[in-house]
């Protein structure tokens, strides 16, 4: 049993390192990229985090999975539909507000 736990911890550490590498290299890339790419990279990092939390069976509010889905559908709008991309960011921000409100109600 302990071998399974160690393997899972090793895999979790590897996954987290990959996410951190993505975030740090994204920050570096943002220096010379168009302005909206930074927002896209942040939203994409949030999506990747939600995927990892699901992978490790962390209990999540259903809205987080909806956020991840929406990001996946619309993140590339930043390339040719700025208004659509900004709408997606605003929509997922409102969804996250709902998550916080639901958490407050559960306390």
N, C-alpha and C. Protein backbone atom coordinates (compact mmCIF):
# COMPACT_ATOMS: atom_id res chain seq x y z
N UNK A 1 0.81 -1.20 0.00
CA UNK A 1 0.00 0.00 0.00
C UNK A 1 0.86 1.26 0.00
N UNK A 2 1.94 1.26 0.79
CA UNK A 2 2.76 2.47 0.85
C UNK A 2 3.42 2.77 -0.48
N UNK A 3 3.72 1.74 -1.28
CA UNK A 3 4.29 1.96 -2.61
C UNK A 3 3.33 2.71 -3.51
N UNK A 4 2.04 2.42 -3.38
CA UNK A 4 1.02 3.11 -4.17
C UNK A 4 0.96 4.57 -3.77
N UNK A 5 1.02 4.83 -2.47
CA UNK A 5 0.98 6.22 -1.97
C UNK A 5 2.20 6.99 -2.46
N UNK A 6 3.37 6.39 -2.37
CA UNK A 6 4.59 7.07 -2.83
C UNK A 6 4.51 7.35 -4.32
N UNK A 7 4.05 6.37 -5.10
CA UNK A 7 3.91 6.57 -6.54
C UNK A 7 2.94 7.70 -6.83
N UNK A 8 1.82 7.74 -6.10
CA UNK A 8 0.84 8.80 -6.30
C UNK A 8 1.44 10.15 -5.93
N UNK A 9 2.19 10.21 -4.85
CA UNK A 9 2.84 11.45 -4.45
C UNK A 9 3.85 11.89 -5.50
N UNK A 10 4.61 10.94 -6.02
CA UNK A 10 5.58 11.26 -7.06
C UNK A 10 4.87 11.80 -8.31
N UNK A 11 3.76 11.17 -8.67
CA UNK A 11 3.02 11.61 -9.85
C UNK A 11 2.41 12.99 -9.61
N UNK A 12 1.86 13.21 -8.40
CA UNK A 12 1.31 14.52 -8.05
C UNK A 12 2.39 15.59 -8.12
N UNK A 13 3.56 15.29 -7.56
CA UNK A 13 4.67 16.25 -7.58
C UNK A 13 5.07 16.56 -9.02
N UNK A 14 5.14 15.54 -9.85
CA UNK A 14 5.49 15.74 -11.26
C UNK A 14 4.44 16.62 -11.96
N UNK A 15 3.16 16.32 -11.73
CA UNK A 15 2.09 17.11 -12.33
C UNK A 15 2.15 18.56 -11.87
N UNK A 16 2.38 18.77 -10.58
CA UNK A 16 2.47 20.14 -10.06
C UNK A 16 3.68 20.87 -10.65
N UNK A 17 4.79 20.17 -10.76
CA UNK A 17 5.98 20.78 -11.38
C UNK A 17 5.69 21.20 -12.81
N UNK A 18 4.98 20.35 -13.56
CA UNK A 18 4.63 20.70 -14.94
C UNK A 18 3.74 21.93 -15.00
N UNK A 19 2.79 22.01 -14.08
CA UNK A 19 1.92 23.19 -14.04
C UNK A 19 2.73 24.44 -13.69
N UNK A 20 3.60 24.33 -12.72
CA UNK A 20 4.44 25.48 -12.35
C UNK A 20 5.36 25.90 -13.49
N UNK A 21 5.93 24.92 -14.18
CA UNK A 21 6.78 25.24 -15.33
C UNK A 21 5.96 25.97 -16.39
N UNK A 22 4.75 25.49 -16.65
CA UNK A 22 3.87 26.15 -17.61
C UNK A 22 3.62 27.60 -17.19
N UNK A 23 3.31 27.81 -15.92
CA UNK A 23 2.99 29.15 -15.44
C UNK A 23 4.20 30.08 -15.53
N UNK A 24 5.36 29.58 -15.15
CA UNK A 24 6.56 30.42 -15.16
C UNK A 24 7.00 30.74 -16.58
N UNK A 25 7.00 29.74 -17.46
CA UNK A 25 7.38 30.02 -18.85
C UNK A 25 6.34 30.90 -19.53
N UNK A 26 5.07 30.77 -19.12
CA UNK A 26 4.03 31.65 -19.65
C UNK A 26 4.30 33.10 -19.24
N UNK A 27 4.68 33.28 -18.00
CA UNK A 27 4.99 34.64 -17.52
C UNK A 27 6.13 35.23 -18.34
N UNK A 28 7.12 34.42 -18.62
CA UNK A 28 8.24 34.88 -19.44
C UNK A 28 7.78 35.22 -20.85
N UNK A 29 6.92 34.37 -21.41
CA UNK A 29 6.42 34.60 -22.76
C UNK A 29 5.56 35.85 -22.86
N UNK A 30 4.88 36.19 -21.78
CA UNK A 30 3.98 37.35 -21.80
C UNK A 30 4.72 38.67 -22.03
N UNK A 31 5.98 38.68 -21.76
CA UNK A 31 6.76 39.91 -21.92
C UNK A 31 6.68 40.42 -23.36
N UNK A 32 6.74 39.52 -24.32
CA UNK A 32 6.77 39.92 -25.73
C UNK A 32 5.52 39.54 -26.52
N UNK A 33 4.55 38.95 -25.85
CA UNK A 33 3.34 38.53 -26.55
C UNK A 33 2.27 39.61 -26.49
N UNK A 34 1.26 39.51 -27.36
CA UNK A 34 0.14 40.46 -27.29
C UNK A 34 -0.53 40.40 -25.91
N UNK A 35 -1.12 41.49 -25.51
CA UNK A 35 -1.69 41.66 -24.17
C UNK A 35 -2.67 40.55 -23.78
N UNK A 36 -3.55 40.16 -24.67
CA UNK A 36 -4.57 39.17 -24.33
C UNK A 36 -4.00 37.78 -24.07
N UNK A 37 -2.81 37.51 -24.58
CA UNK A 37 -2.22 36.19 -24.36
C UNK A 37 -1.96 35.93 -22.88
N UNK A 38 -1.63 36.97 -22.14
CA UNK A 38 -1.42 36.80 -20.71
C UNK A 38 -2.69 36.33 -20.02
N UNK A 39 -3.81 36.95 -20.38
CA UNK A 39 -5.10 36.53 -19.81
C UNK A 39 -5.44 35.12 -20.23
N UNK A 40 -5.15 34.77 -21.47
CA UNK A 40 -5.42 33.41 -21.95
C UNK A 40 -4.57 32.42 -21.18
N UNK A 41 -3.31 32.74 -20.96
CA UNK A 41 -2.42 31.82 -20.25
C UNK A 41 -2.86 31.63 -18.79
N UNK A 42 -3.32 32.71 -18.16
CA UNK A 42 -3.82 32.58 -16.78
C UNK A 42 -5.07 31.70 -16.73
N UNK A 43 -5.99 31.93 -17.66
CA UNK A 43 -7.20 31.11 -17.70
C UNK A 43 -6.83 29.66 -18.00
N UNK A 44 -5.89 29.45 -18.89
CA UNK A 44 -5.46 28.09 -19.22
C UNK A 44 -4.81 27.41 -18.02
N UNK A 45 -4.03 28.15 -17.24
CA UNK A 45 -3.42 27.59 -16.03
C UNK A 45 -4.51 27.19 -15.03
N UNK A 46 -5.56 28.02 -14.91
CA UNK A 46 -6.68 27.67 -14.02
C UNK A 46 -7.35 26.39 -14.50
N UNK A 47 -7.53 26.28 -15.80
CA UNK A 47 -8.12 25.07 -16.38
C UNK A 47 -7.27 23.84 -16.08
N UNK A 48 -5.97 23.97 -16.26
CA UNK A 48 -5.05 22.86 -15.98
C UNK A 48 -5.10 22.46 -14.51
N UNK A 49 -5.22 23.43 -13.62
CA UNK A 49 -5.32 23.13 -12.19
C UNK A 49 -6.60 22.36 -11.88
N UNK A 50 -7.70 22.77 -12.46
CA UNK A 50 -8.97 22.06 -12.24
C UNK A 50 -8.85 20.61 -12.73
N UNK A 51 -8.23 20.42 -13.89
CA UNK A 51 -8.03 19.07 -14.42
C UNK A 51 -7.21 18.23 -13.44
N UNK A 52 -6.14 18.82 -12.89
CA UNK A 52 -5.31 18.09 -11.92
C UNK A 52 -6.08 17.76 -10.65
N UNK A 53 -6.87 18.70 -10.16
CA UNK A 53 -7.65 18.44 -8.96
C UNK A 53 -8.62 17.28 -9.19
N UNK A 54 -9.22 17.25 -10.38
CA UNK A 54 -10.10 16.13 -10.72
C UNK A 54 -9.31 14.83 -10.81
N UNK A 55 -8.14 14.89 -11.40
CA UNK A 55 -7.31 13.68 -11.55
C UNK A 55 -7.02 13.04 -10.20
N UNK A 56 -6.82 13.87 -9.18
CA UNK A 56 -6.48 13.37 -7.85
C UNK A 56 -7.70 13.31 -6.93
N UNK A 57 -8.88 13.31 -7.54
CA UNK A 57 -10.15 13.12 -6.81
C UNK A 57 -10.37 14.12 -5.68
N UNK A 58 -9.92 15.34 -5.89
CA UNK A 58 -10.21 16.39 -4.92
C UNK A 58 -11.66 16.82 -5.14
N UNK A 59 -12.48 16.80 -4.09
CA UNK A 59 -13.88 17.19 -4.27
C UNK A 59 -13.99 18.64 -4.73
N UNK A 60 -14.72 18.84 -5.83
CA UNK A 60 -14.86 20.18 -6.40
C UNK A 60 -16.32 20.54 -6.57
N UNK A 61 -16.58 21.83 -6.48
CA UNK A 61 -17.89 22.36 -6.84
C UNK A 61 -18.09 22.09 -8.33
N UNK A 62 -19.28 21.66 -8.72
CA UNK A 62 -19.57 21.36 -10.12
C UNK A 62 -19.30 22.54 -11.05
N UNK A 63 -19.45 23.75 -10.52
CA UNK A 63 -19.21 24.93 -11.35
C UNK A 63 -17.75 25.01 -11.81
N UNK A 64 -16.83 24.47 -11.02
CA UNK A 64 -15.43 24.49 -11.44
C UNK A 64 -15.23 23.67 -12.71
N UNK A 65 -15.92 22.57 -12.81
CA UNK A 65 -15.82 21.78 -14.04
C UNK A 65 -16.44 22.53 -15.21
N UNK A 66 -17.48 23.29 -14.96
CA UNK A 66 -18.08 24.12 -16.01
C UNK A 66 -17.11 25.22 -16.43
N UNK A 67 -16.39 25.79 -15.46
CA UNK A 67 -15.38 26.80 -15.77
C UNK A 67 -14.30 26.20 -16.66
N UNK A 68 -13.83 25.02 -16.29
CA UNK A 68 -12.78 24.36 -17.06
C UNK A 68 -13.25 24.08 -18.49
N UNK A 69 -14.50 23.63 -18.63
CA UNK A 69 -15.07 23.37 -19.95
C UNK A 69 -15.13 24.64 -20.79
N UNK A 70 -15.59 25.70 -20.17
CA UNK A 70 -15.74 26.98 -20.89
C UNK A 70 -14.39 27.52 -21.33
N UNK A 71 -13.40 27.42 -20.47
CA UNK A 71 -12.07 27.87 -20.85
C UNK A 71 -11.57 27.06 -22.05
N UNK A 72 -11.74 25.75 -21.97
CA UNK A 72 -11.31 24.90 -23.07
C UNK A 72 -11.99 25.25 -24.39
N UNK A 73 -13.26 25.61 -24.32
CA UNK A 73 -14.02 25.95 -25.53
C UNK A 73 -13.59 27.30 -26.11
N UNK A 74 -13.32 28.26 -25.24
CA UNK A 74 -13.22 29.65 -25.71
C UNK A 74 -11.85 30.31 -25.55
N UNK A 75 -10.87 29.63 -25.01
CA UNK A 75 -9.60 30.30 -24.75
C UNK A 75 -8.92 30.84 -26.00
N UNK A 76 -9.11 30.17 -27.12
CA UNK A 76 -8.45 30.62 -28.35
C UNK A 76 -9.16 31.77 -29.04
N UNK A 77 -10.28 32.22 -28.48
CA UNK A 77 -10.94 33.41 -29.01
C UNK A 77 -10.03 34.62 -28.94
N UNK A 78 -9.06 34.57 -28.04
CA UNK A 78 -8.14 35.71 -27.89
C UNK A 78 -7.39 35.99 -29.20
N UNK A 79 -7.34 35.01 -30.08
CA UNK A 79 -6.61 35.17 -31.35
C UNK A 79 -7.37 36.04 -32.35
N UNK A 80 -8.72 35.91 -32.36
CA UNK A 80 -9.45 36.62 -33.42
C UNK A 80 -10.81 37.18 -33.01
N UNK A 81 -11.18 37.05 -31.75
CA UNK A 81 -12.46 37.56 -31.28
C UNK A 81 -12.29 38.10 -29.86
N UNK A 82 -11.70 39.29 -29.78
CA UNK A 82 -11.39 39.87 -28.47
C UNK A 82 -12.64 40.01 -27.61
N UNK A 83 -13.75 40.49 -28.19
CA UNK A 83 -14.98 40.67 -27.40
C UNK A 83 -15.49 39.33 -26.87
N UNK A 84 -15.45 38.29 -27.70
CA UNK A 84 -15.88 36.98 -27.25
C UNK A 84 -14.99 36.44 -26.15
N UNK A 85 -13.69 36.68 -26.27
CA UNK A 85 -12.74 36.22 -25.25
C UNK A 85 -12.98 36.94 -23.93
N UNK A 86 -13.15 38.24 -23.99
CA UNK A 86 -13.40 39.03 -22.77
C UNK A 86 -14.72 38.61 -22.14
N UNK A 87 -15.74 38.31 -22.96
CA UNK A 87 -17.01 37.82 -22.43
C UNK A 87 -16.80 36.51 -21.68
N UNK A 88 -16.00 35.61 -22.26
CA UNK A 88 -15.71 34.34 -21.58
C UNK A 88 -15.05 34.61 -20.23
N UNK A 89 -14.07 35.51 -20.19
CA UNK A 89 -13.40 35.82 -18.92
C UNK A 89 -14.39 36.37 -17.90
N UNK A 90 -15.27 37.26 -18.34
CA UNK A 90 -16.27 37.82 -17.44
C UNK A 90 -17.25 36.75 -16.96
N UNK A 91 -17.65 35.88 -17.87
CA UNK A 91 -18.58 34.80 -17.50
C UNK A 91 -17.96 33.86 -16.47
N UNK A 92 -16.70 33.45 -16.70
CA UNK A 92 -16.10 32.53 -15.73
C UNK A 92 -15.80 33.21 -14.41
N UNK A 93 -15.57 34.52 -14.46
CA UNK A 93 -15.39 35.26 -13.20
C UNK A 93 -16.69 35.23 -12.39
N UNK A 94 -17.82 35.41 -13.07
CA UNK A 94 -19.12 35.34 -12.38
C UNK A 94 -19.37 33.93 -11.85
N UNK A 95 -18.98 32.92 -12.63
CA UNK A 95 -19.14 31.54 -12.17
C UNK A 95 -18.33 31.31 -10.90
N UNK A 96 -17.13 31.87 -10.84
CA UNK A 96 -16.29 31.71 -9.66
C UNK A 96 -16.88 32.47 -8.47
N UNK A 97 -17.53 33.58 -8.73
CA UNK A 97 -18.23 34.30 -7.66
C UNK A 97 -19.32 33.41 -7.07
N UNK A 98 -20.04 32.70 -7.94
CA UNK A 98 -21.06 31.77 -7.46
C UNK A 98 -20.44 30.68 -6.59
N UNK A 99 -19.26 30.19 -6.98
CA UNK A 99 -18.58 29.17 -6.18
C UNK A 99 -18.30 29.71 -4.78
N UNK A 100 -17.79 30.94 -4.71
CA UNK A 100 -17.49 31.53 -3.40
C UNK A 100 -18.75 31.73 -2.58
N UNK A 101 -19.81 32.18 -3.22
CA UNK A 101 -21.08 32.39 -2.49
C UNK A 101 -21.62 31.07 -1.95
N UNK A 102 -21.53 30.02 -2.77
CA UNK A 102 -22.00 28.71 -2.31
C UNK A 102 -21.16 28.22 -1.13
N UNK A 103 -19.85 28.48 -1.17
CA UNK A 103 -18.99 28.09 -0.05
C UNK A 103 -19.40 28.82 1.21
N UNK A 104 -19.68 30.11 1.08
CA UNK A 104 -20.09 30.91 2.25
C UNK A 104 -21.39 30.39 2.84
N UNK A 105 -22.30 29.96 1.99
CA UNK A 105 -23.58 29.44 2.47
C UNK A 105 -23.42 28.12 3.20
N UNK A 106 -22.38 27.36 2.85
CA UNK A 106 -22.14 26.08 3.48
C UNK A 106 -21.46 26.21 4.84
N UNK A 107 -20.86 27.37 5.09
CA UNK A 107 -20.18 27.58 6.38
C UNK A 107 -21.18 27.83 7.42
